[in-house]
């Protein structure tokens, strides 16, 4: 096991995040530090990979809570290996594909209808007579189909 000798400033600089971000990740249980004799935070070098996984997952739109849940599946809460990343990314793939599909439908609907069923558009391509869409829920129900 590597020694915990990375300072919070060094980790922040190396990972391209603010020190406050590291503190936030730590309070959320996403990363872990140790205290030296002077009560200063120290990190093991593998925290760099863990933060990289967090940042990559966030760029995919994965919430910190989902990332924490995924990390909790790792033995001894270890830093993800390349094989672990393959497993984690596969779990998130379906969600990412669904979001991509949703965004494509939104993009394709921008010039016509936003799918809200609001009855306010005079030339709405999908006129919602008698507010029939209300039975499907509130908001842009057509986009959620």
C-alpha atoms as a PDB file:
ATOM      1  CA  UNK A   1       0.000   0.000   0.000  1.00  0.00           C
ATOM      2  CA  UNK A   2       1.409   3.364  -0.938  1.00  0.00           C
ATOM      3  CA  UNK A   3       2.236   5.941   1.674  1.00  0.00           C
ATOM      4  CA  UNK A   4      -0.132   8.853   2.205  1.00  0.00           C
ATOM      5  CA  UNK A   5       2.236  11.707   1.398  1.00  0.00           C
ATOM      6  CA  UNK A   6       0.371  13.846  -1.150  1.00  0.00           C
ATOM      7  CA  UNK A   7      -0.719  17.224   0.189  1.00  0.00           C
ATOM      8  CA  UNK A   8      -4.179  18.554  -0.545  1.00  0.00           C
ATOM      9  CA  UNK A   9      -2.669  21.342  -2.652  1.00  0.00           C
ATOM     10  CA  UNK A  10      -0.588  18.913  -4.708  1.00  0.00           C
ATOM     11  CA  UNK A  11      -3.600  16.659  -5.355  1.00  0.00           C
ATOM     12  CA  UNK A  12      -5.782  19.632  -6.278  1.00  0.00           C
ATOM     13  CA  UNK A  13      -3.205  20.985  -8.706  1.00  0.00           C
ATOM     14  CA  UNK A  14      -2.515  17.583 -10.270  1.00  0.00           C
ATOM     15  CA  UNK A  15      -6.239  16.811 -10.712  1.00  0.00           C
ATOM     16  CA  UNK A  16      -7.251  20.281 -11.858  1.00  0.00           C
ATOM     17  CA  UNK A  17      -9.750  20.822  -9.055  1.00  0.00           C
ATOM     18  CA  UNK A  18     -10.003  23.255  -6.188  1.00  0.00           C
ATOM     19  CA  UNK A  19      -8.952  22.306  -2.683  1.00  0.00           C
ATOM     20  CA  UNK A  20     -12.541  22.906  -1.620  1.00  0.00           C
ATOM     21  CA  UNK A  21     -13.639  20.274  -4.164  1.00  0.00           C
ATOM     22  CA  UNK A  22     -11.380  17.718  -2.513  1.00  0.00           C
ATOM     23  CA  UNK A  23     -12.807  18.608   0.884  1.00  0.00           C
ATOM     24  CA  UNK A  24     -16.325  18.261  -0.552  1.00  0.00           C
ATOM     25  CA  UNK A  25     -15.530  14.860  -2.093  1.00  0.00           C
ATOM     26  CA  UNK A  26     -14.140  13.767   1.239  1.00  0.00           C
ATOM     27  CA  UNK A  27     -17.230  14.857   3.188  1.00  0.00           C
ATOM     28  CA  UNK A  28     -19.320  12.882   0.660  1.00  0.00           C
ATOM     29  CA  UNK A  29     -17.209   9.773   1.260  1.00  0.00           C
ATOM     30  CA  UNK A  30     -15.829   9.683  -2.289  1.00  0.00           C
ATOM     31  CA  UNK A  31     -12.172  10.028  -1.317  1.00  0.00           C
ATOM     32  CA  UNK A  32     -10.219   9.556   1.876  1.00  0.00           C
ATOM     33  CA  UNK A  33      -7.315  11.359   3.473  1.00  0.00           C
ATOM     34  CA  UNK A  34      -5.191  10.706   6.495  1.00  0.00           C
ATOM     35  CA  UNK A  35      -3.761  13.161   8.993  1.00  0.00           C
ATOM     36  CA  UNK A  36      -0.050  13.475   9.578  1.00  0.00           C
ATOM     37  CA  UNK A  37       1.558  14.302  12.925  1.00  0.00           C
ATOM     38  CA  UNK A  38       0.880  18.004  12.281  1.00  0.00           C
ATOM     39  CA  UNK A  39      -2.825  17.213  11.655  1.00  0.00           C
ATOM     40  CA  UNK A  40      -2.509  18.067   7.942  1.00  0.00           C
ATOM     41  CA  UNK A  41      -4.413  16.114   5.297  1.00  0.00           C
ATOM     42  CA  UNK A  42      -2.398  13.637   3.282  1.00  0.00           C
ATOM     43  CA  UNK A  43      -3.526  11.471   0.380  1.00  0.00           C
ATOM     44  CA  UNK A  44      -2.217   8.295  -1.178  1.00  0.00           C
ATOM     45  CA  UNK A  45      -1.227   8.607  -4.838  1.00  0.00           C
ATOM     46  CA  UNK A  46      -4.110   6.374  -5.948  1.00  0.00           C
ATOM     47  CA  UNK A  47      -6.521   9.190  -5.049  1.00  0.00           C
ATOM     48  CA  UNK A  48      -5.551  10.714  -8.419  1.00  0.00           C
ATOM     49  CA  UNK A  49      -7.192   7.807 -10.257  1.00  0.00           C
ATOM     50  CA  UNK A  50     -10.231   7.913  -7.979  1.00  0.00           C
ATOM     51  CA  UNK A  51     -10.707  11.632  -8.683  1.00  0.00           C
ATOM     52  CA  UNK A  52     -10.253  10.977 -12.404  1.00  0.00           C
ATOM     53  CA  UNK A  53     -13.047   8.404 -12.270  1.00  0.00           C
ATOM     54  CA  UNK A  54     -15.253  10.887 -10.395  1.00  0.00           C
ATOM     55  CA  UNK A  55     -14.603  13.606 -12.967  1.00  0.00           C
ATOM     56  CA  UNK A  56     -15.157  11.262 -15.930  1.00  0.00           C
ATOM     57  CA  UNK A  57     -18.427  10.016 -14.444  1.00  0.00           C
ATOM     58  CA  UNK A  58     -19.591  13.570 -13.726  1.00  0.00           C
ATOM     59  CA  UNK A  59     -18.893  14.537 -17.342  1.00  0.00           C
ATOM     60  CA  UNK A  60     -21.267  11.738 -18.317  1.00  0.00           C
ATOM     61  CA  UNK A  61     -23.895  13.267 -16.043  1.00  0.00           C
ATOM     62  CA  UNK A  62     -23.566  10.665 -13.289  1.00  0.00           C
ATOM     63  CA  UNK A  63     -24.477  12.111  -9.891  1.00  0.00           C
ATOM     64  CA  UNK A  64     -22.067  12.040  -6.986  1.00  0.00           C
ATOM     65  CA  UNK A  65     -24.501   9.787  -5.119  1.00  0.00           C
ATOM     66  CA  UNK A  66     -24.439   7.278  -7.997  1.00  0.00           C
ATOM     67  CA  UNK A  67     -20.647   7.456  -8.069  1.00  0.00           C
ATOM     68  CA  UNK A  68     -20.523   6.829  -4.317  1.00  0.00           C
ATOM     69  CA  UNK A  69     -22.855   3.840  -4.694  1.00  0.00           C
ATOM     70  CA  UNK A  70     -20.657   2.436  -7.452  1.00  0.00           C
ATOM     71  CA  UNK A  71     -17.504   2.917  -5.370  1.00  0.00           C
ATOM     72  CA  UNK A  72     -19.160   1.118  -2.458  1.00  0.00           C
ATOM     73  CA  UNK A  73     -19.289  -2.062  -4.591  1.00  0.00           C
ATOM     74  CA  UNK A  74     -15.501  -2.214  -4.757  1.00  0.00           C
ATOM     75  CA  UNK A  75     -13.780  -4.527  -2.260  1.00  0.00           C
ATOM     76  CA  UNK A  76     -12.438  -2.571   0.712  1.00  0.00           C
ATOM     77  CA  UNK A  77     -13.632   0.613  -1.030  1.00  0.00           C
ATOM     78  CA  UNK A  78     -10.437   0.484  -3.116  1.00  0.00           C
ATOM     79  CA  UNK A  79      -9.572   2.799  -5.962  1.00  0.00           C
ATOM     80  CA  UNK A  80     -11.063   1.497  -9.219  1.00  0.00           C
ATOM     81  CA  UNK A  81      -8.767  -0.515 -11.459  1.00  0.00           C
ATOM     82  CA  UNK A  82      -9.053  -0.533 -15.255  1.00  0.00           C
ATOM     83  CA  UNK A  83     -11.296  -3.617 -14.970  1.00  0.00           C
ATOM     84  CA  UNK A  84     -13.420  -1.873 -12.330  1.00  0.00           C
ATOM     85  CA  UNK A  85     -13.812   1.125 -14.654  1.00  0.00           C
ATOM     86  CA  UNK A  86     -15.063  -1.198 -17.395  1.00  0.00           C
ATOM     87  CA  UNK A  87     -17.703  -2.560 -15.026  1.00  0.00           C
ATOM     88  CA  UNK A  88     -18.706   0.860 -13.708  1.00  0.00           C
ATOM     89  CA  UNK A  89     -18.906   2.424 -17.149  1.00  0.00           C
ATOM     90  CA  UNK A  90     -21.041  -0.477 -18.403  1.00  0.00           C
ATOM     91  CA  UNK A  91     -23.515   0.137 -15.563  1.00  0.00           C
ATOM     92  CA  UNK A  92     -23.757   3.780 -16.556  1.00  0.00           C
ATOM     93  CA  UNK A  93     -23.961   3.140 -20.322  1.00  0.00           C
ATOM     94  CA  UNK A  94     -27.728   2.479 -20.430  1.00  0.00           C
ATOM     95  CA  UNK A  95     -28.444   5.654 -18.495  1.00  0.00           C
ATOM     96  CA  UNK A  96     -26.128   7.644 -20.741  1.00  0.00           C
ATOM     97  CA  UNK A  97     -27.733   6.173 -23.876  1.00  0.00           C
ATOM     98  CA  UNK A  98     -31.185   7.134 -22.567  1.00  0.00           C
ATOM     99  CA  UNK A  99     -30.019  10.698 -21.909  1.00  0.00           C
ATOM    100  CA  UNK A 100     -28.475  10.943 -25.378  1.00  0.00           C
ATOM    101  CA  UNK A 101     -31.742   9.719 -26.918  1.00  0.00           C
ATOM    102  CA  UNK A 102     -33.697  12.262 -24.878  1.00  0.00           C
ATOM    103  CA  UNK A 103     -31.383  15.102 -25.889  1.00  0.00           C
ATOM    104  CA  UNK A 104     -31.632  14.122 -29.552  1.00  0.00           C
ATOM    105  CA  UNK A 105     -35.440  14.170 -29.334  1.00  0.00           C
ATOM    106  CA  UNK A 106     -35.256  17.557 -27.619  1.00  0.00           C
ATOM    107  CA  UNK A 107     -32.902  18.891 -30.306  1.00  0.00           C
ATOM    108  CA  UNK A 108     -35.175  17.628 -33.070  1.00  0.00           C
ATOM    109  CA  UNK A 109     -38.220  19.222 -31.409  1.00  0.00           C
ATOM    110  CA  UNK A 110     -36.761  22.668 -30.796  1.00  0.00           C
ATOM    111  CA  UNK A 111     -38.087  24.289 -33.951  1.00  0.00           C
ATOM    112  CA  UNK A 112     -41.616  22.900 -33.690  1.00  0.00           C
ATOM    113  CA  UNK A 113     -43.046  21.866 -30.407  1.00  0.00           C
ATOM    114  CA  UNK A 114     -41.554  21.463 -26.980  1.00  0.00           C
ATOM    115  CA  UNK A 115     -44.003  18.664 -26.261  1.00  0.00           C
ATOM    116  CA  UNK A 116     -45.681  20.340 -23.340  1.00  0.00           C
ATOM    117  CA  UNK A 117     -49.275  19.985 -24.500  1.00  0.00           C
ATOM    118  CA  UNK A 118     -49.982  23.521 -23.333  1.00  0.00           C
ATOM    119  CA  UNK A 119     -52.732  24.297 -25.898  1.00  0.00           C
ATOM    120  CA  UNK A 120     -51.231  27.764 -26.398  1.00  0.00           C
ATOM    121  CA  UNK A 121     -49.598  27.349 -29.794  1.00  0.00           C
ATOM    122  CA  UNK A 122     -51.964  28.333 -32.626  1.00  0.00           C
ATOM    123  CA  UNK A 123     -50.160  26.127 -35.133  1.00  0.00           C
ATOM    124  CA  UNK A 124     -48.987  23.375 -32.850  1.00  0.00           C
ATOM    125  CA  UNK A 125     -48.047  20.295 -34.894  1.00  0.00           C
ATOM    126  CA  UNK A 126     -49.531  18.082 -32.193  1.00  0.00           C
ATOM    127  CA  UNK A 127     -52.516  20.074 -31.000  1.00  0.00           C
ATOM    128  CA  UNK A 128     -53.573  18.814 -27.604  1.00  0.00           C
ATOM    129  CA  UNK A 129     -57.332  19.064 -27.928  1.00  0.00           C
ATOM    130  CA  UNK A 130     -59.157  18.973 -24.583  1.00  0.00           C
ATOM    131  CA  UNK A 131     -55.812  18.584 -22.823  1.00  0.00           C
ATOM    132  CA  UNK A 132     -55.685  14.828 -23.394  1.00  0.00           C
ATOM    133  CA  UNK A 133     -52.004  14.843 -22.520  1.00  0.00           C
ATOM    134  CA  UNK A 134     -52.800  15.752 -18.920  1.00  0.00           C
ATOM    135  CA  UNK A 135     -53.442  12.082 -18.224  1.00  0.00           C
ATOM    136  CA  UNK A 136     -49.782  11.365 -19.044  1.00  0.00           C
ATOM    137  CA  UNK A 137     -48.447  13.777 -16.431  1.00  0.00           C
ATOM    138  CA  UNK A 138     -47.138  17.308 -16.207  1.00  0.00           C
ATOM    139  CA  UNK A 139     -44.353  18.946 -18.169  1.00  0.00           C
ATOM    140  CA  UNK A 140     -43.015  17.934 -21.585  1.00  0.00           C
ATOM    141  CA  UNK A 141     -44.739  14.543 -21.653  1.00  0.00           C
ATOM    142  CA  UNK A 142     -44.303  14.045 -25.385  1.00  0.00           C
ATOM    143  CA  UNK A 143     -40.536  14.210 -25.060  1.00  0.00           C
ATOM    144  CA  UNK A 144     -40.661  11.674 -22.240  1.00  0.00           C
ATOM    145  CA  UNK A 145     -42.353   9.025 -24.382  1.00  0.00           C
END
